Every structure is written in structure tokens, then in C-alpha cells.
Protein backbone atom coordinates (compact mmCIF):
# COMPACT_ATOMS: atom_id res chain seq x y z
CA MET A 1 0.00 0.00 0.00
CA CYS A 2 0.96 3.66 -0.08
CA GLY A 3 -0.55 5.36 2.94
CA ARG A 4 1.85 8.26 3.49
CA TYR A 5 3.73 10.37 0.99
CA VAL A 6 5.71 13.59 0.66
CA THR A 7 5.02 16.72 -1.41
CA VAL A 8 7.46 19.53 -0.65
CA SER A 9 8.37 21.02 -4.04
CA SER A 10 7.51 24.69 -4.43
CA ILE A 11 4.28 25.51 -6.20
CA LYS A 12 6.29 27.11 -9.01
CA SER A 13 8.31 23.91 -9.45
CA ILE A 14 5.10 21.91 -9.72
CA GLU A 15 3.66 24.35 -12.26
CA LYS A 16 6.82 24.17 -14.36
CA ARG A 17 7.21 20.40 -14.12
CA PHE A 18 3.64 19.64 -15.24
CA ASN A 19 3.10 22.72 -17.43
CA ILE A 20 0.04 23.77 -15.47
CA GLN A 21 -1.23 26.68 -13.39
CA ALA A 22 -2.12 26.99 -9.72
CA THR A 23 -5.07 29.38 -9.62
CA GLN A 24 -5.22 29.13 -5.82
CA PRO A 25 -1.57 28.79 -4.77
CA GLU A 26 -2.48 29.84 -1.23
CA LEU A 27 -4.12 26.43 -0.76
CA TYR A 28 -0.79 24.66 -1.13
CA THR A 29 1.23 23.72 1.93
CA PRO A 30 4.37 21.57 1.66
CA ASN A 31 3.80 18.38 3.61
CA THR A 32 6.26 15.66 4.63
CA ASN A 33 3.56 13.35 5.96
CA ILE A 34 0.42 13.43 3.79
CA SER A 35 -2.12 11.00 5.24
CA HIS A 36 -5.79 10.16 4.69
CA GLY A 37 -8.23 13.02 5.08
CA GLU A 38 -5.74 15.72 4.10
CA LYS A 39 -5.94 17.93 1.02
CA ALA A 40 -3.17 17.41 -1.54
CA PRO A 41 -2.41 18.58 -5.11
CA VAL A 42 -3.75 16.61 -8.06
CA ILE A 43 -4.20 17.13 -11.81
CA THR A 44 -7.42 15.68 -13.14
CA ASN A 45 -8.74 14.62 -16.51
CA ASP A 46 -11.62 17.12 -16.34
CA ASN A 47 -9.29 20.08 -15.67
CA PRO A 48 -5.82 19.08 -16.92
CA GLY A 49 -4.37 22.59 -17.01
CA GLU A 50 -4.81 23.40 -13.32
CA ILE A 51 -3.60 22.17 -9.95
CA GLN A 52 -6.50 21.24 -7.69
CA PHE A 53 -6.54 20.17 -4.06
CA PHE A 54 -8.52 17.02 -3.29
CA GLN A 55 -8.86 14.89 -0.18
CA PHE A 56 -6.55 11.88 0.09
CA GLY A 57 -8.96 9.03 0.77
CA PHE A 58 -11.43 8.00 -1.94
CA THR A 59 -15.22 8.02 -1.57
CA PRO A 60 -17.31 6.88 -4.58
CA PHE A 61 -20.23 9.07 -5.61
CA TRP A 62 -22.81 6.43 -4.69
CA ALA A 63 -21.63 5.85 -1.10
CA GLN A 64 -24.09 6.36 1.77
CA LYS A 65 -21.25 7.49 4.04
CA GLN A 66 -17.77 8.87 3.53
CA PHE A 67 -14.89 6.45 2.96
CA TYR A 68 -11.16 7.00 3.11
CA MET A 69 -9.86 4.47 0.58
CA ILE A 70 -6.24 5.54 0.16
CA ASN A 71 -5.27 2.87 -2.39
CA ALA A 72 -6.85 0.98 -5.29
CA ARG A 73 -5.30 -2.34 -6.32
CA ALA A 74 -4.55 -2.52 -10.04
CA GLU A 75 -5.20 -6.28 -9.94
CA GLY A 76 -8.52 -5.85 -8.15
CA ASP A 77 -9.45 -9.18 -6.55
CA HIS A 78 -6.75 -11.03 -8.47
CA ASN A 79 -3.25 -11.78 -7.17
CA LYS A 80 -4.30 -12.00 -3.54
CA ALA A 81 -0.88 -13.47 -2.71
CA ASN A 82 0.78 -10.29 -4.06
CA ASP A 83 3.07 -12.29 -6.31
CA PRO A 84 5.57 -9.76 -7.76
CA ALA A 85 5.72 -11.83 -10.95
CA TYR A 86 1.97 -11.46 -11.58
CA THR A 87 1.18 -10.42 -15.17
CA GLY A 88 -2.54 -11.19 -15.28
CA SER A 89 -5.56 -9.00 -15.82
CA LYS A 90 -6.16 -5.66 -14.17
CA GLY A 91 -9.20 -6.47 -12.07
CA ILE A 92 -9.63 -2.86 -10.95
CA ILE A 93 -11.91 -2.36 -13.96
CA ASN A 94 -14.48 -4.70 -12.37
CA LYS A 95 -14.37 -3.44 -8.79
CA PRO A 96 -17.66 -1.65 -7.94
CA MET A 97 -15.73 0.90 -5.85
CA PHE A 98 -13.46 1.95 -8.72
CA ARG A 99 -14.86 0.76 -12.05
CA GLN A 100 -16.36 4.12 -13.03
CA SER A 101 -13.40 6.23 -11.95
CA ILE A 102 -10.78 4.06 -13.68
CA ARG A 103 -12.70 4.72 -16.89
CA SER A 104 -13.56 8.40 -16.59
CA LYS A 105 -12.00 10.04 -13.51
CA ARG A 106 -8.26 9.59 -13.53
CA CYS A 107 -5.73 11.96 -12.01
CA LEU A 108 -2.05 12.64 -11.45
CA VAL A 109 -1.11 12.71 -7.77
CA VAL A 110 1.84 15.08 -7.31
CA ALA A 111 4.61 13.75 -5.04
CA ASP A 112 8.31 14.00 -4.22
CA ALA A 113 8.63 10.73 -2.32
CA PHE A 114 6.58 8.23 -0.35
CA ILE A 115 6.89 6.47 2.99
CA GLU A 116 6.85 2.70 3.25
CA GLY A 117 7.89 -0.03 5.65
CA PRO A 118 8.12 -3.83 5.78
CA GLU A 119 4.85 -5.73 5.46
CA LYS A 120 4.85 -6.76 9.13
CA GLU A 121 6.47 -3.78 10.89
CA LYS A 122 4.86 -1.21 8.56
CA LEU A 123 5.50 2.36 9.72
CA SER A 124 7.21 1.14 12.86
CA LYS A 125 10.20 0.71 10.53
CA PRO A 126 9.67 3.39 7.87
CA TYR A 127 11.70 4.29 4.80
CA VAL A 128 11.60 7.33 2.52
CA VAL A 129 11.35 6.05 -1.07
CA TYR A 130 12.20 8.37 -3.94
CA LEU A 131 13.31 8.47 -7.58
CA GLN A 132 17.03 8.84 -8.12
CA ASN A 133 18.74 11.67 -10.03
CA LYS A 134 16.41 14.32 -8.59
CA GLN A 135 13.45 13.16 -10.64
CA ARG A 136 10.89 15.08 -8.67
CA PRO A 137 8.20 16.03 -8.40
CA PHE A 138 6.70 13.00 -10.11
CA ALA A 139 3.16 11.66 -10.44
CA PHE A 140 1.39 8.63 -9.02
CA ALA A 141 -1.45 7.20 -11.08
CA GLY A 142 -4.62 8.13 -9.23
CA ILE A 143 -8.39 7.96 -9.52
CA TRP A 144 -10.90 10.43 -8.09
CA ASP A 145 -14.59 10.94 -7.52
CA GLU A 146 -17.06 13.51 -6.21
CA TRP A 147 -19.30 12.67 -3.28
CA VAL A 148 -22.10 14.79 -1.80
CA HIS A 149 -23.01 14.54 1.89
CA LYS A 150 -26.78 13.96 1.87
CA GLN A 151 -27.45 15.82 5.12
CA THR A 152 -25.16 18.85 4.76
CA GLY A 153 -24.78 19.14 0.98
CA GLU A 154 -20.99 19.27 1.37
CA VAL A 155 -19.18 18.27 -1.83
CA VAL A 156 -16.06 16.16 -1.28
CA ARG A 157 -13.66 15.54 -4.15
CA SER A 158 -11.29 12.76 -3.16
CA PHE A 159 -8.68 10.46 -4.66
CA ALA A 160 -6.84 7.17 -4.21
CA ILE A 161 -3.38 6.13 -5.38
CA ILE A 162 -3.29 3.00 -7.54
CA THR A 163 -0.94 0.26 -6.36
CA THR A 164 0.58 -2.70 -8.16
CA VAL A 165 3.06 -5.49 -7.46
CA SER A 166 6.27 -4.62 -5.63
CA ASN A 167 9.46 -3.88 -7.56
CA ASP A 168 12.98 -4.92 -6.55
CA LEU A 169 13.49 -1.96 -4.23
CA LEU A 170 10.20 -2.42 -2.34
CA GLN A 171 10.99 -6.12 -2.02
CA ARG A 172 14.32 -5.23 -0.40
CA ILE A 173 12.45 -3.10 2.12
CA GLY A 174 10.15 -6.06 2.70
CA HIS A 175 6.97 -4.50 1.36
CA HIS A 176 4.49 -6.38 -0.81
CA ARG A 177 3.05 -3.53 -2.89
CA SER A 178 4.23 -0.54 -4.91
CA PRO A 179 2.39 2.64 -5.90
CA VAL A 180 2.17 3.18 -9.65
CA VAL A 181 4.66 5.92 -10.55
CA LEU A 182 3.95 7.12 -14.08
CA LYS A 183 6.69 7.89 -16.57
CA PRO A 184 6.59 11.55 -17.70
CA GLU A 185 5.61 10.46 -21.20
CA GLN A 186 2.59 8.58 -19.78
CA GLU A 187 1.15 11.39 -17.71
CA GLN A 188 -0.94 13.18 -20.33
CA ALA A 189 -2.29 9.89 -21.65
CA TRP A 190 -3.32 8.83 -18.14
CA ILE A 191 -5.55 11.89 -17.73
CA ASN A 192 -6.90 11.69 -21.28
CA SER A 193 -10.41 10.24 -20.95
CA ALA A 194 -10.53 9.45 -24.66
CA ILE A 195 -7.85 6.73 -24.69
CA PRO A 196 -9.00 3.08 -24.67
CA LEU A 197 -9.30 1.55 -21.21
CA SER A 198 -6.77 -1.12 -22.18
CA GLU A 199 -4.16 1.58 -22.81
CA ALA A 200 -4.80 3.10 -19.40
CA THR A 201 -4.55 -0.19 -17.52
CA ALA A 202 -1.38 -1.10 -19.43
CA MET A 203 0.34 1.72 -17.52
CA LEU A 204 -0.39 0.10 -14.16
CA GLU A 205 3.01 -1.53 -13.74
CA PRO A 206 5.73 -0.97 -11.12
CA VAL A 207 8.54 1.43 -11.93
CA ASP A 208 11.97 -0.18 -12.40
CA GLY A 209 13.41 -0.58 -8.92
CA SER A 210 16.84 0.54 -10.10
CA MET A 211 15.39 4.02 -10.72
CA MET A 212 14.50 4.37 -7.03
CA ASN A 213 16.27 4.49 -3.71
CA ALA A 214 15.27 4.55 -0.04
CA TYR A 215 16.64 5.15 3.42
CA PRO A 216 15.26 4.55 6.93
CA ILE A 217 13.75 7.34 9.03
CA ASP A 218 12.39 7.71 12.55
CA PRO A 219 9.07 5.97 13.32
CA ALA A 220 7.74 9.34 14.52
CA ILE A 221 6.25 9.68 11.04
CA LYS A 222 3.78 6.99 12.06
CA ASN A 223 1.79 9.73 13.80
CA PRO A 224 -0.28 11.46 11.07
CA ARG A 225 -0.28 14.68 13.08
CA GLN A 226 3.51 14.94 12.87
CA ASN A 227 4.98 17.08 10.10
CA GLY A 228 8.23 18.84 9.27
CA MET A 229 11.58 18.29 7.65
CA GLU A 230 13.07 16.42 10.62
CA LEU A 231 10.75 13.51 9.85
CA LEU A 232 12.79 12.88 6.69
CA LYS A 233 16.15 12.85 8.44
CA PRO A 234 18.02 9.58 7.70
CA ILE A 235 18.77 7.26 10.61
CA GLY A 236 20.60 4.63 8.56
CA GLU A 237 22.14 3.78 5.21
CA ARG A 238 20.36 3.90 1.86
CA ILE A 239 19.39 0.73 0.08
CA TYR A 240 21.72 1.75 -2.77
CA LYS A 241 24.80 3.93 -2.26
CA GLU A 242 24.47 7.56 -3.33
CA TYR A 243 26.28 10.83 -2.76
CA ASP A 244 23.81 12.40 -0.33
CA TYR A 245 20.29 12.17 1.06
CA GLU A 246 18.82 14.55 -1.46
CA ILE A 247 15.22 14.70 -0.24
CA TYR A 248 16.16 15.53 3.36
CA GLN A 249 18.97 17.90 2.37
CA GLU A 250 16.83 19.90 -0.03
CA VAL A 251 13.86 20.12 2.32
CA LYS A 252 16.24 21.26 5.06
CA LEU A 253 17.76 23.85 2.75
CA PHE A 254 14.45 25.40 1.78
CA GLY A 255 12.79 24.83 5.15
CA MET A 256 9.33 23.95 3.73
CA GLY A 257 8.64 27.66 3.22
CA GLU A 258 10.24 28.86 6.44
CA THR A 259 12.86 31.55 6.19
CA ARG A 260 16.44 30.89 7.18
CA SER A 261 16.17 33.68 9.77
CA LYS A 262 13.28 31.84 11.43
CA GLU A 263 15.32 28.67 11.43
CA ARG A 264 18.17 30.51 13.16
CA ARG A 265 15.78 31.99 15.73
CA ASP A 266 14.40 28.52 16.46
CA GLN A 267 17.91 27.17 16.95
CA GLU A 268 18.85 30.04 19.25
CA ALA A 269 15.73 29.55 21.32
CA SER A 270 16.35 25.83 21.79
């Protein structure tokens, strides 16, 4: 699964990377620990030129009550053993929860990294997982829907991240699933409602594990109320050797929007 992820790039970097516009940039807040129920940036098929902010945690339009489905399995009810060698059908197209959205409500979920742990220990032993060579921000394959609260009339637009079988890197961490990270050349096709469904589901494959890396961080990130750059500080070695811990170093440098003077004041006060 992919239950926590990181989006800390500046709004201008996101606009430039995806060639879009943020009409309400004030709604964006860098977040090192995005969890269910929080608003996060997405790019949808119905408005592909603009950044929108939807709730992480999917609720289908027909639901009687609000759900918080953070992930949607590409295989649907197939591959229950989570065999990484699975190459069968994409059963998501038949799941009542997702079958409409996978056809007509797809989105790009903007991210810089995600948090994952072993299947058993989960976020008690977390890792930051990211694309190497500063390939960020990137996009998860997502689906979305619009749900209306029958009593209050509140409209909730929400999304889920699609997951698939684990790649080599996730297997080394000990996790059984991998979020679908789209290649840049796939992104526009993913949010194009006109492409055949078979072309869309063909994209639901794990990214090559050699393109990713990961390092362990403090289990404090397990608490969804915790946020801040210190959550991404490495406490051990990377899976693959690299020059530096680029996600943590860059977030520390830019301070998630805080000024360097504020950082100095905080240090002096401590």
C-alpha cells in the first residue's frame, strides 16, 4: 500500500514540471507526511491545465457514508498473494468501488517521495522512497470521484493512489506492494479520458526498482499529526549507495517555506 507520501516542491516547481497553473496557490502547503483526510495537489482529466486540491482518501459518488480508501489495487481481486511476478488482468476495472473512476476520472497525484515499511512492521520501521537523479516532483497514477453529503450538501472531491506489485526496491524493504509511478511520457495519456481503457490499464506496472532508492527514518512519522523536515532525516544507510540524502537535504535547505532567519531563531531559542 501507499498510505503516506511527501510533497514539498515549491508551487512554481510543480507548475513548471507539469506545465500547469495553480489558480489558488495559497491552498498549497508543503507536507512531509500526507495521510488520509488531508488535502493534496492533483491534476485531473476534467481540468488538466490546473492544480486542484482534493482529499486523500477515496469516496465513490454512490456511497451512503464517507470512505477514506487511500489505495486501489490494479489487480482488483486477483493476485491476492501479491506475487511480484503477476502479469494477469487488471481487475480494478471490475471493482464496484473503482470501475467508473478508472474509466472516466483519472488523475495525477503530485509527489516528491513516499513512505513505506516492511509488510509486518509497517511504519514502525519506515523508509523514505524516492526516484534517483532528482526526478521530482513525479506523479502517481490516481483515480478520483465527487461525493455529496446527503445531510449537509458538502461536496467532497477525493482520490486514491493505484498500487501494483512490488518492484525490486520495495521487495528489499520487505513491502508487498508498490504505488504506480507514471513515466513523464505517460502522464498526459493517463488523464486523457478518450484513450482506450486497455491503454490506461497497461500503464499500471511498477517502476523499475533501479530508478529508485530509499533510506530509513524515525518511526515518529507513524503519527499522522507529525509534520516537518526532521521527519525525513536519515537514521541509517540507503538501500543503494548515493552521494547524499537529497530529499532531506533539499527540504532542510528550503525549510518547507520557512525563512532561514526563522530557522536561526528557532535554533537560538532551543
